[in-house]
Amino acid sequence: MTYYHYVVGTEQILLGLIGEGTGIAAKVLKSMGINLKDSRVEVEKIIGRGSGCVAVEIIGRSSTTW
């Protein structure tokens, strides 16, 4: 699922934890009746969708300061 946002928020991290499926967080959420399909619907209701993909300017590496 693509939300087209400029940042990764806690909502996307939560979906990742649920979708991963085998970790402790996923198991706890599953035991509480939380599933990926319903969670995606709820996240989209809350955060909506962004305006689309944007080009990101890649800047040069920073110099070492130590």
PDB file of N, CA and C in Angstrom:
ATOM      1  N   MET A   1       0.855  -1.166   0.000  1.00  0.00           N
ATOM      2  CA  MET A   1       0.000   0.000   0.000  1.00  0.00           C
ATOM      3  C   MET A   1       0.899   1.226   0.000  1.00  0.00           C
ATOM      4  N   THR A   2       0.607   2.149  -0.854  1.00  0.00           N
ATOM      5  CA  THR A   2       1.387   3.376  -0.948  1.00  0.00           C
ATOM      6  C   THR A   2       0.529   4.552  -0.522  1.00  0.00           C
ATOM      7  N   TYR A   3       1.042   5.348   0.406  1.00  0.00           N
ATOM      8  CA  TYR A   3       0.295   6.504   0.891  1.00  0.00           C
ATOM      9  C   TYR A   3       0.818   7.819   0.340  1.00  0.00           C
ATOM     10  N   TYR A   4       1.961   7.800  -0.331  1.00  0.00           N
ATOM     11  CA  TYR A   4       2.535   8.988  -0.974  1.00  0.00           C
ATOM     12  C   TYR A   4       2.776  10.135   0.002  1.00  0.00           C
ATOM     13  N   HIS A   5       3.313   9.834   1.155  1.00  0.00           N
ATOM     14  CA  HIS A   5       3.667  10.876   2.109  1.00  0.00           C
ATOM     15  C   HIS A   5       5.163  11.123   2.052  1.00  0.00           C
ATOM     16  N   TYR A   6       5.575  12.287   2.500  1.00  0.00           N
ATOM     17  CA  TYR A   6       6.982  12.666   2.477  1.00  0.00           C
ATOM     18  C   TYR A   6       7.781  12.035   3.606  1.00  0.00           C
ATOM     19  N   VAL A   7       7.115  11.590   4.636  1.00  0.00           N
ATOM     20  CA  VAL A   7       7.793  11.022   5.803  1.00  0.00           C
ATOM     21  C   VAL A   7       7.163   9.683   6.160  1.00  0.00           C
ATOM     22  N   VAL A   8       7.897   8.894   6.908  1.00  0.00           N
ATOM     23  CA  VAL A   8       7.354   7.648   7.436  1.00  0.00           C
ATOM     24  C   VAL A   8       6.882   7.948   8.846  1.00  0.00           C
ATOM     25  N   GLY A   9       5.599   7.766   9.072  1.00  0.00           N
ATOM     26  CA  GLY A   9       5.033   8.036  10.386  1.00  0.00           C
ATOM     27  C   GLY A   9       4.841   6.764  11.187  1.00  0.00           C
ATOM     28  N   THR A  10       4.396   6.932  12.403  1.00  0.00           N
ATOM     29  CA  THR A  10       4.166   5.774  13.266  1.00  0.00           C
ATOM     30  C   THR A  10       3.111   4.844  12.692  1.00  0.00           C
ATOM     31  N   GLU A  11       2.199   5.404  11.912  1.00  0.00           N
ATOM     32  CA  GLU A  11       1.161   4.578  11.303  1.00  0.00           C
ATOM     33  C   GLU A  11       1.773   3.564  10.341  1.00  0.00           C
ATOM     34  N   GLN A  12       2.717   4.016   9.511  1.00  0.00           N
ATOM     35  CA  GLN A  12       3.360   3.109   8.565  1.00  0.00           C
ATOM     36  C   GLN A  12       4.238   2.084   9.284  1.00  0.00           C
ATOM     37  N   ILE A  13       4.859   2.507  10.371  1.00  0.00           N
ATOM     38  CA  ILE A  13       5.668   1.568  11.150  1.00  0.00           C
ATOM     39  C   ILE A  13       4.770   0.496  11.756  1.00  0.00           C
ATOM     40  N   LEU A  14       3.621   0.892  12.268  1.00  0.00           N
ATOM     41  CA  LEU A  14       2.667  -0.070  12.818  1.00  0.00           C
ATOM     42  C   LEU A  14       2.236  -1.073  11.756  1.00  0.00           C
ATOM     43  N   LEU A  15       1.921  -0.590  10.552  1.00  0.00           N
ATOM     44  CA  LEU A  15       1.535  -1.494   9.465  1.00  0.00           C
ATOM     45  C   LEU A  15       2.673  -2.455   9.131  1.00  0.00           C
ATOM     46  N   GLY A  16       3.903  -1.960   9.176  1.00  0.00           N
ATOM     47  CA  GLY A  16       5.054  -2.825   8.926  1.00  0.00           C
ATOM     48  C   GLY A  16       5.191  -3.912   9.974  1.00  0.00           C
ATOM     49  N   LEU A  17       4.972  -3.551  11.225  1.00  0.00           N
ATOM     50  CA  LEU A  17       5.047  -4.541  12.305  1.00  0.00           C
ATOM     51  C   LEU A  17       3.973  -5.608  12.145  1.00  0.00           C
ATOM     52  N   ILE A  18       2.774  -5.187  11.793  1.00  0.00           N
ATOM     53  CA  ILE A  18       1.679  -6.140  11.599  1.00  0.00           C
ATOM     54  C   ILE A  18       1.968  -7.018  10.389  1.00  0.00           C
ATOM     55  N   GLY A  19       2.404  -6.395   9.303  1.00  0.00           N
ATOM     56  CA  GLY A  19       2.648  -7.121   8.061  1.00  0.00           C
ATOM     57  C   GLY A  19       3.809  -8.091   8.143  1.00  0.00           C
ATOM     58  N   GLU A  20       4.793  -7.797   8.972  1.00  0.00           N
ATOM     59  CA  GLU A  20       5.951  -8.676   9.134  1.00  0.00           C
ATOM     60  C   GLU A  20       5.501 -10.050   9.616  1.00  0.00           C
ATOM     61  N   GLY A  21       4.579 -10.068  10.538  1.00  0.00           N
ATOM     62  CA  GLY A  21       3.873 -11.282  10.908  1.00  0.00           C
ATOM     63  C   GLY A  21       4.500 -12.242  11.894  1.00  0.00           C
ATOM     64  N   THR A  22       5.816 -12.245  12.075  1.00  0.00           N
ATOM     65  CA  THR A  22       6.419 -13.261  12.933  1.00  0.00           C
ATOM     66  C   THR A  22       7.033 -12.720  14.217  1.00  0.00           C
ATOM     67  N   GLY A  23       7.169 -11.421  14.336  1.00  0.00           N
ATOM     68  CA  GLY A  23       7.780 -10.830  15.527  1.00  0.00           C
ATOM     69  C   GLY A  23       6.822 -10.784  16.705  1.00  0.00           C
ATOM     70  N   ILE A  24       7.361 -10.435  17.841  1.00  0.00           N
ATOM     71  CA  ILE A  24       6.560 -10.352  19.063  1.00  0.00           C
ATOM     72  C   ILE A  24       5.427  -9.350  18.900  1.00  0.00           C
ATOM     73  N   ALA A  25       5.733  -8.176  18.330  1.00  0.00           N
ATOM     74  CA  ALA A  25       4.695  -7.150  18.154  1.00  0.00           C
ATOM     75  C   ALA A  25       3.560  -7.677  17.287  1.00  0.00           C
ATOM     76  N   ALA A  26       3.899  -8.339  16.193  1.00  0.00           N
ATOM     77  CA  ALA A  26       2.870  -8.880  15.299  1.00  0.00           C
ATOM     78  C   ALA A  26       2.016  -9.923  16.012  1.00  0.00           C
ATOM     79  N   LYS A  27       2.652 -10.765  16.787  1.00  0.00           N
ATOM     80  CA  LYS A  27       1.914 -11.812  17.505  1.00  0.00           C
ATOM     81  C   LYS A  27       0.980 -11.217  18.553  1.00  0.00           C
ATOM     82  N   VAL A  28       1.451 -10.209  19.279  1.00  0.00           N
ATOM     83  CA  VAL A  28       0.610  -9.558  20.289  1.00  0.00           C
ATOM     84  C   VAL A  28      -0.582  -8.883  19.621  1.00  0.00           C
ATOM     85  N   LEU A  29      -0.320  -8.138  18.547  1.00  0.00           N
ATOM     86  CA  LEU A  29      -1.410  -7.452  17.846  1.00  0.00           C
ATOM     87  C   LEU A  29      -2.411  -8.454  17.280  1.00  0.00           C
ATOM     88  N   LYS A  30      -1.920  -9.556  16.722  1.00  0.00           N
ATOM     89  CA  LYS A  30      -2.813 -10.590  16.187  1.00  0.00           C
ATOM     90  C   LYS A  30      -3.669 -11.193  17.300  1.00  0.00           C
ATOM     91  N   SER A  31      -3.077 -11.410  18.466  1.00  0.00           N
ATOM     92  CA  SER A  31      -3.834 -11.978  19.589  1.00  0.00           C
ATOM     93  C   SER A  31      -4.934 -11.034  20.063  1.00  0.00           C
ATOM     94  N   MET A  32      -4.770  -9.734  19.736  1.00  0.00           N
ATOM     95  CA  MET A  32      -5.780  -8.739  20.097  1.00  0.00           C
ATOM     96  C   MET A  32      -6.817  -8.564  18.989  1.00  0.00           C
ATOM     97  N   GLY A  33      -6.714  -9.390  17.945  1.00  0.00           N
ATOM     98  CA  GLY A  33      -7.679  -9.325  16.855  1.00  0.00           C
ATOM     99  C   GLY A  33      -7.359  -8.279  15.801  1.00  0.00           C
ATOM    100  N   ILE A  34      -6.140  -7.766  15.812  1.00  0.00           N
ATOM    101  CA  ILE A  34      -5.743  -6.733  14.854  1.00  0.00           C
ATOM    102  C   ILE A  34      -5.101  -7.406  13.651  1.00  0.00           C
ATOM    103  N   ASN A  35      -5.602  -7.075  12.454  1.00  0.00           N
ATOM    104  CA  ASN A  35      -5.032  -7.658  11.245  1.00  0.00           C
ATOM    105  C   ASN A  35      -4.628  -6.558  10.264  1.00  0.00           C
ATOM    106  N   LEU A  36      -3.816  -6.930   9.287  1.00  0.00           N
ATOM    107  CA  LEU A  36      -3.245  -5.960   8.362  1.00  0.00           C
ATOM    108  C   LEU A  36      -4.306  -5.304   7.483  1.00  0.00           C
ATOM    109  N   LYS A  37      -5.229  -6.087   6.976  1.00  0.00           N
ATOM    110  CA  LYS A  37      -6.246  -5.539   6.065  1.00  0.00           C
ATOM    111  C   LYS A  37      -7.063  -4.441   6.742  1.00  0.00           C
ATOM    112  N   ASP A  38      -7.606  -4.727   7.907  1.00  0.00           N
ATOM    113  CA  ASP A  38      -8.424  -3.741   8.619  1.00  0.00           C
ATOM    114  C   ASP A  38      -7.588  -2.548   9.082  1.00  0.00           C
ATOM    115  N   SER A  39      -6.345  -2.816   9.480  1.00  0.00           N
ATOM    116  CA  SER A  39      -5.467  -1.733   9.930  1.00  0.00           C
ATOM    117  C   SER A  39      -5.155  -0.768   8.801  1.00  0.00           C
ATOM    118  N   ARG A  40      -4.948  -1.292   7.600  1.00  0.00           N
ATOM    119  CA  ARG A  40      -4.693  -0.420   6.443  1.00  0.00           C
ATOM    120  C   ARG A  40      -5.874   0.512   6.188  1.00  0.00           C
ATOM    121  N   VAL A  41      -7.071  -0.029   6.284  1.00  0.00           N
ATOM    122  CA  VAL A  41      -8.274   0.783   6.079  1.00  0.00           C
ATOM    123  C   VAL A  41      -8.336   1.900   7.114  1.00  0.00           C
ATOM    124  N   GLU A  42      -8.096   1.567   8.369  1.00  0.00           N
ATOM    125  CA  GLU A  42      -8.162   2.562   9.438  1.00  0.00           C
ATOM    126  C   GLU A  42      -7.064   3.612   9.307  1.00  0.00           C
ATOM    127  N   VAL A  43      -5.856   3.187   8.944  1.00  0.00           N
ATOM    128  CA  VAL A  43      -4.758   4.139   8.763  1.00  0.00           C
ATOM    129  C   VAL A  43      -5.093   5.110   7.641  1.00  0.00           C
ATOM    130  N   GLU A  44      -5.629   4.602   6.551  1.00  0.00           N
ATOM    131  CA  GLU A  44      -5.977   5.497   5.443  1.00  0.00           C
ATOM    132  C   GLU A  44      -7.061   6.490   5.853  1.00  0.00           C
ATOM    133  N   LYS A  45      -7.994   6.073   6.690  1.00  0.00           N
ATOM    134  CA  LYS A  45      -9.021   6.997   7.185  1.00  0.00           C
ATOM    135  C   LYS A  45      -8.384   8.126   7.999  1.00  0.00           C
ATOM    136  N   ILE A  46      -7.370   7.772   8.779  1.00  0.00           N
ATOM    137  CA  ILE A  46      -6.743   8.743   9.676  1.00  0.00           C
ATOM    138  C   ILE A  46      -5.788   9.677   8.940  1.00  0.00           C
ATOM    139  N   ILE A  47      -4.870   9.119   8.157  1.00  0.00           N
ATOM    140  CA  ILE A  47      -3.834   9.955   7.544  1.00  0.00           C
ATOM    141  C   ILE A  47      -4.102  10.300   6.088  1.00  0.00           C
ATOM    142  N   GLY A  48      -5.051   9.603   5.469  1.00  0.00           N
ATOM    143  CA  GLY A  48      -5.348   9.881   4.069  1.00  0.00           C
ATOM    144  C   GLY A  48      -4.182   9.518   3.173  1.00  0.00           C
ATOM    145  N   ARG A  49      -4.204  10.088   1.979  1.00  0.00           N
ATOM    146  CA  ARG A  49      -3.137   9.852   1.008  1.00  0.00           C
ATOM    147  C   ARG A  49      -2.494  11.173   0.649  1.00  0.00           C
ATOM    148  N   GLY A  50      -1.224  11.121   0.363  1.00  0.00           N
ATOM    149  CA  GLY A  50      -0.502  12.310  -0.078  1.00  0.00           C
ATOM    150  C   GLY A  50      -0.828  12.619  -1.529  1.00  0.00           C
ATOM    151  N   SER A  51      -0.136  13.601  -2.073  1.00  0.00           N
ATOM    152  CA  SER A  51      -0.425  14.063  -3.433  1.00  0.00           C
ATOM    153  C   SER A  51       0.330  13.298  -4.505  1.00  0.00           C
ATOM    154  N   GLY A  52       1.175  12.394  -4.153  1.00  0.00           N
ATOM    155  CA  GLY A  52       1.905  11.612  -5.138  1.00  0.00           C
ATOM    156  C   GLY A  52       3.392  11.600  -4.869  1.00  0.00           C
ATOM    157  N   CYS A  53       4.089  10.843  -5.671  1.00  0.00           N
ATOM    158  CA  CYS A  53       5.543  10.744  -5.525  1.00  0.00           C
ATOM    159  C   CYS A  53       6.196  12.049  -5.941  1.00  0.00           C
ATOM    160  N   VAL A  54       7.247  12.383  -5.274  1.00  0.00           N
ATOM    161  CA  VAL A  54       7.987  13.599  -5.601  1.00  0.00           C
ATOM    162  C   VAL A  54       9.458  13.252  -5.777  1.00  0.00           C
ATOM    163  N   ALA A  55      10.126  14.043  -6.577  1.00  0.00           N
ATOM    164  CA  ALA A  55      11.565  13.868  -6.745  1.00  0.00           C
ATOM    165  C   ALA A  55      12.267  14.433  -5.518  1.00  0.00           C
ATOM    166  N   VAL A  56      13.230  13.716  -5.034  1.00  0.00           N
ATOM    167  CA  VAL A  56      13.985  14.158  -3.872  1.00  0.00           C
ATOM    168  C   VAL A  56      15.391  14.493  -4.327  1.00  0.00           C
ATOM    169  N   GLU A  57      15.831  15.695  -3.989  1.00  0.00           N
ATOM    170  CA  GLU A  57      17.176  16.109  -4.363  1.00  0.00           C
ATOM    171  C   GLU A  57      18.186  15.415  -3.458  1.00  0.00           C
ATOM    172  N   ILE A  58      19.148  14.775  -4.062  1.00  0.00           N
ATOM    173  CA  ILE A  58      20.209  14.117  -3.311  1.00  0.00           C
ATOM    174  C   ILE A  58      21.368  15.101  -3.195  1.00  0.00           C
ATOM    175  N   ILE A  59      21.720  15.417  -1.966  1.00  0.00           N
ATOM    176  CA  ILE A  59      22.831  16.353  -1.773  1.00  0.00           C
ATOM    177  C   ILE A  59      24.106  15.567  -1.508  1.00  0.00           C
ATOM    178  N   GLY A  60      25.232  16.220  -1.670  1.00  0.00           N
ATOM    179  CA  GLY A  60      26.519  15.565  -1.462  1.00  0.00           C
ATOM    180  C   GLY A  60      26.716  15.121  -0.033  1.00  0.00           C
ATOM    181  N   ARG A  61      27.694  14.303   0.164  1.00  0.00           N
ATOM    182  CA  ARG A  61      28.001  13.818   1.510  1.00  0.00           C
ATOM    183  C   ARG A  61      28.547  14.949   2.365  1.00  0.00           C
ATOM    184  N   SER A  62      28.255  14.883   3.629  1.00  0.00           N
ATOM    185  CA  SER A  62      28.809  15.891   4.535  1.00  0.00           C
ATOM    186  C   SER A  62      30.255  15.525   4.860  1.00  0.00           C
ATOM    187  N   SER A  63      31.029  16.515   5.167  1.00  0.00           N
ATOM    188  CA  SER A  63      32.428  16.248   5.499  1.00  0.00           C
ATOM    189  C   SER A  63      32.535  15.708   6.920  1.00  0.00           C
ATOM    190  N   THR A  64      33.541  14.946   7.150  1.00  0.00           N
ATOM    191  CA  THR A  64      33.767  14.393   8.480  1.00  0.00           C
ATOM    192  C   THR A  64      34.238  15.504   9.409  1.00  0.00           C
ATOM    193  N   THR A  65      33.680  15.547  10.606  1.00  0.00           N
ATOM    194  CA  THR A  65      34.013  16.631  11.534  1.00  0.00           C
ATOM    195  C   THR A  65      34.817  16.155  12.728  1.00  0.00           C
ATOM    196  N   TRP A  66      35.271  14.949  12.730  1.00  0.00           N
ATOM    197  CA  TRP A  66      36.022  14.480  13.882  1.00  0.00           C
ATOM    198  C   TRP A  66      37.387  14.036  13.545  1.00  0.00           C
TER     199      TRP A  66
END
